[in-house]
Amino acid sequence: MKKLLLISFALLFLSSCKSYYGPNTRKEEYTKGVFTVANTYFATVGEEHIFRAHIQVFKKELSGLLVVKRMDEHLHRVVLTSDFGNTLFDFSIYKDKPYAINYVMPDLDKKIILNFLAKDFSYLVEDTYTLNAKATQRDTTVYKGLYKKKKTFVVVNQQEEVTEVIAASARKPKIVFTYAKKGVALEIKHQNFPLSIQLTPLENEDNR
């Protein structure tokens, strides 16, 4: 019995120490190089995206309309309003400098929440990833490297569209971004922080 317990603990320990190499991907599948991956979802300057948003952070739930607009080459504006038109938060997300808070409702005005939201939106609207390895699978290609000093995986389908972005630690995924396709909700899920975001597109996406 003791021997069985020791084996179980050893297997659990080895499993917890296993490195993470992306979704269904092994280390030996990757080819090293310099790869630039374009994510066109929020890339067009002046284009406005409107979503029905549901955000859960700790025990607080927020819903309303989220507007994401690329103002210029270096700036996205992200605004959440209630169904009555009241602004709940308003972020400026810059490509090469810290975010700015234009407004936030008092209940959300906590540094840890604002930092997580801003980092999420920074990943969400990024239009270019420069990564250093790729693994080609049957229907997808997985790229890996560093983005904002964090281990990052970008999954691209056969049409060269980004379908998933994963921010990870050395051993497991931490945040998963799943991109919307034709009315299906875009999702941001944290694995070890009580924050999840679901965004259902409202604009006409026939041209995507």
Protein backbone atom coordinates (compact mmCIF):
# COMPACT_ATOMS: atom_id res chain seq x y z
CA MET A 1 0.00 0.00 0.00
CA LYS A 2 2.81 2.42 0.90
CA LYS A 3 4.60 1.52 -2.32
CA LEU A 4 1.43 2.29 -4.33
CA LEU A 5 1.06 5.65 -2.60
CA LEU A 6 4.69 6.53 -3.30
CA ILE A 7 4.24 5.67 -6.99
CA SER A 8 1.06 7.78 -7.14
CA PHE A 9 2.78 10.77 -5.54
CA ALA A 10 5.76 10.40 -7.88
CA LEU A 11 3.51 10.35 -10.95
CA LEU A 12 1.60 13.38 -9.67
CA PHE A 13 4.87 15.23 -9.06
CA LEU A 14 6.24 14.39 -12.52
CA SER A 15 2.96 15.44 -14.12
CA SER A 16 2.98 18.79 -12.31
CA CYS A 17 6.59 19.41 -13.43
CA LYS A 18 5.87 18.67 -17.09
CA SER A 19 6.55 21.60 -19.40
CA TYR A 20 3.75 23.04 -21.50
CA TYR A 21 4.33 23.22 -25.27
CA GLY A 22 0.95 24.44 -26.47
CA PRO A 23 -2.36 22.76 -27.35
CA ASN A 24 -1.78 19.11 -28.34
CA THR A 25 1.81 19.93 -29.25
CA ARG A 26 5.10 18.28 -28.29
CA LYS A 27 8.51 19.91 -27.97
CA GLU A 28 10.03 17.92 -30.84
CA GLU A 29 7.36 19.13 -33.30
CA TYR A 30 8.66 22.71 -33.28
CA THR A 31 10.97 24.22 -35.90
CA LYS A 32 13.00 27.23 -34.78
CA GLY A 33 13.12 30.47 -36.73
CA VAL A 34 11.69 33.99 -36.79
CA PHE A 35 8.00 34.04 -37.64
CA THR A 36 5.67 37.04 -37.92
CA VAL A 37 2.01 36.20 -37.32
CA ALA A 38 -0.65 38.76 -38.24
CA ASN A 39 -3.96 38.91 -36.38
CA THR A 40 -6.32 41.01 -38.48
CA TYR A 41 -9.33 40.96 -36.14
CA PHE A 42 -8.79 44.47 -34.73
CA ALA A 43 -6.12 45.63 -37.19
CA THR A 44 -8.00 48.14 -39.38
CA VAL A 45 -7.60 51.78 -38.36
CA GLY A 46 -10.98 53.45 -37.85
CA GLU A 47 -12.92 50.17 -37.75
CA GLU A 48 -15.33 49.81 -34.82
CA HIS A 49 -16.34 46.45 -33.34
CA ILE A 50 -19.39 46.18 -31.10
CA PHE A 51 -19.99 43.22 -28.78
CA ARG A 52 -22.61 42.10 -26.32
CA ALA A 53 -20.31 41.67 -23.32
CA HIS A 54 -20.55 39.53 -20.22
CA ILE A 55 -17.70 39.95 -17.73
CA GLN A 56 -17.34 38.11 -14.44
CA VAL A 57 -14.62 39.26 -12.05
CA PHE A 58 -14.51 37.80 -8.55
CA LYS A 59 -18.22 37.71 -7.60
CA LYS A 60 -19.18 40.74 -9.67
CA GLU A 61 -20.94 40.36 -13.01
CA LEU A 62 -21.00 43.10 -15.65
CA SER A 63 -22.94 43.15 -18.89
CA GLY A 64 -23.48 45.71 -21.60
CA LEU A 65 -21.99 46.78 -24.89
CA LEU A 66 -18.24 46.68 -25.46
CA VAL A 67 -16.85 48.85 -28.25
CA VAL A 68 -13.32 48.26 -29.56
CA LYS A 69 -11.93 50.74 -32.08
CA ARG A 70 -8.46 51.17 -33.53
CA MET A 71 -7.80 54.89 -33.41
CA ASP A 72 -4.40 54.83 -35.15
CA GLU A 73 -1.39 52.57 -35.62
CA HIS A 74 -0.49 52.71 -31.94
CA LEU A 75 -3.81 53.03 -30.08
CA HIS A 76 -7.00 51.06 -29.50
CA ARG A 77 -9.91 52.41 -27.48
CA VAL A 78 -11.94 49.90 -25.43
CA VAL A 79 -15.19 51.11 -23.83
CA LEU A 80 -17.85 49.19 -21.91
CA THR A 81 -21.25 50.82 -21.45
CA SER A 82 -24.36 49.60 -19.67
CA ASP A 83 -27.59 48.95 -21.56
CA PHE A 84 -28.71 52.38 -20.35
CA GLY A 85 -25.69 54.08 -21.94
CA ASN A 86 -23.64 54.67 -18.79
CA THR A 87 -19.87 54.18 -19.16
CA LEU A 88 -18.51 51.41 -16.94
CA PHE A 89 -14.91 51.64 -18.11
CA ASP A 90 -12.94 53.33 -20.86
CA PHE A 91 -9.37 52.20 -21.65
CA SER A 92 -6.76 53.46 -24.08
CA ILE A 93 -4.57 50.49 -25.03
CA TYR A 94 -1.24 51.53 -26.54
CA LYS A 95 1.04 49.31 -28.59
CA ASP A 96 4.31 50.55 -27.09
CA LYS A 97 3.52 52.15 -23.72
CA PRO A 98 1.35 51.53 -20.63
CA TYR A 99 -2.43 51.68 -20.88
CA ALA A 100 -4.41 54.73 -19.79
CA ILE A 101 -7.71 54.80 -17.90
CA ASN A 102 -10.05 57.45 -19.25
CA TYR A 103 -12.83 56.41 -16.86
CA VAL A 104 -13.71 53.52 -14.56
CA MET A 105 -16.74 53.02 -12.35
CA PRO A 106 -15.89 53.10 -8.60
CA ASP A 107 -16.67 49.39 -8.03
CA LEU A 108 -13.99 48.41 -10.57
CA ASP A 109 -11.42 50.99 -9.53
CA LYS A 110 -8.99 48.47 -8.07
CA LYS A 111 -5.45 48.21 -9.40
CA ILE A 112 -5.36 44.40 -9.66
CA ILE A 113 -8.60 44.30 -11.68
CA LEU A 114 -7.58 47.17 -13.95
CA ASN A 115 -4.18 45.60 -14.63
CA PHE A 116 -5.74 42.26 -15.57
CA LEU A 117 -8.34 43.88 -17.82
CA ALA A 118 -5.74 46.06 -19.54
CA LYS A 119 -3.39 43.12 -20.14
CA ASP A 120 -6.27 41.08 -21.53
CA PHE A 121 -7.25 43.84 -23.95
CA SER A 122 -3.61 44.30 -24.93
CA TYR A 123 -3.45 40.64 -26.01
CA LEU A 124 -6.90 40.85 -27.58
CA VAL A 125 -6.15 43.73 -29.96
CA GLU A 126 -2.53 42.88 -30.83
CA ASP A 127 -2.14 42.73 -34.60
CA THR A 128 1.38 41.30 -34.93
CA TYR A 129 3.26 38.62 -33.02
CA THR A 130 6.95 37.93 -33.67
CA LEU A 131 7.64 34.39 -32.45
CA ASN A 132 10.58 32.01 -32.63
CA ALA A 133 9.19 28.53 -33.32
CA LYS A 134 6.32 26.81 -35.10
CA ALA A 135 4.71 23.38 -35.19
CA THR A 136 2.57 22.35 -38.16
CA GLN A 137 -0.36 20.09 -37.34
CA ARG A 138 -3.10 18.57 -39.50
CA ASP A 139 -5.48 21.56 -39.53
CA THR A 140 -3.55 24.23 -37.64
CA THR A 141 -0.12 25.75 -37.10
CA VAL A 142 1.02 26.61 -33.58
CA TYR A 143 3.60 29.37 -33.13
CA LYS A 144 5.37 29.98 -29.84
CA GLY A 145 7.61 32.63 -28.35
CA LEU A 146 7.46 35.61 -26.01
CA TYR A 147 4.92 38.44 -26.04
CA LYS A 148 5.32 41.16 -23.41
CA LYS A 149 7.87 38.86 -21.71
CA LYS A 150 5.28 36.08 -21.32
CA LYS A 151 5.38 32.64 -22.95
CA THR A 152 2.80 32.82 -25.72
CA PHE A 153 1.27 30.44 -28.25
CA VAL A 154 -0.66 31.59 -31.33
CA VAL A 155 -2.84 29.05 -33.16
CA VAL A 156 -3.57 29.69 -36.85
CA ASN A 157 -6.00 27.74 -39.04
CA GLN A 158 -5.61 26.68 -42.69
CA GLN A 159 -6.98 30.06 -43.83
CA GLU A 160 -4.16 31.76 -41.87
CA GLU A 161 -6.65 33.22 -39.37
CA VAL A 162 -5.70 33.41 -35.71
CA THR A 163 -8.16 31.23 -33.80
CA GLU A 164 -6.52 31.11 -30.38
CA VAL A 165 -3.85 32.89 -28.35
CA ILE A 166 -2.56 31.35 -25.14
CA ALA A 167 -0.52 33.11 -22.47
CA ALA A 168 1.24 30.46 -20.40
CA SER A 169 3.62 29.76 -17.59
CA ALA A 170 6.38 27.23 -18.06
CA ARG A 171 4.04 24.36 -17.14
CA LYS A 172 0.46 25.33 -17.97
CA PRO A 173 -1.80 27.78 -19.82
CA LYS A 174 -2.81 30.85 -17.81
CA ILE A 175 -5.06 32.85 -20.16
CA VAL A 176 -6.79 31.54 -23.28
CA PHE A 177 -8.15 33.90 -25.96
CA THR A 178 -10.55 32.29 -28.43
CA TYR A 179 -11.48 34.42 -31.44
CA ALA A 180 -15.03 34.70 -32.79
CA LYS A 181 -16.13 33.33 -36.12
CA LYS A 182 -19.40 34.50 -37.71
CA GLY A 183 -21.37 35.41 -34.60
CA VAL A 184 -19.80 32.91 -32.20
CA ALA A 185 -18.68 34.51 -28.95
CA LEU A 186 -15.08 35.57 -28.47
CA GLU A 187 -13.86 34.38 -25.06
CA ILE A 188 -11.11 35.22 -22.60
CA LYS A 189 -10.64 32.65 -19.84
CA HIS A 190 -8.21 32.87 -16.95
CA GLN A 191 -7.05 29.61 -15.44
CA ASN A 192 -5.88 30.94 -12.05
CA PHE A 193 -7.65 34.29 -11.59
CA PRO A 194 -11.41 34.83 -11.18
CA LEU A 195 -11.92 36.74 -14.43
CA SER A 196 -13.73 35.63 -17.58
CA ILE A 197 -14.94 37.67 -20.53
CA GLN A 198 -17.40 36.63 -23.22
CA LEU A 199 -17.96 38.89 -26.24
CA THR A 200 -20.65 38.17 -28.81
CA PRO A 201 -20.22 40.21 -32.03
CA LEU A 202 -23.16 42.43 -32.99
CA GLU A 203 -21.77 43.98 -36.16
CA ASN A 204 -22.26 42.42 -39.57
CA GLU A 205 -19.35 40.06 -40.18
CA ASP A 206 -20.26 38.91 -43.67
CA ASN A 207 -17.03 40.44 -44.93
CA ARG A 208 -14.85 38.37 -42.61
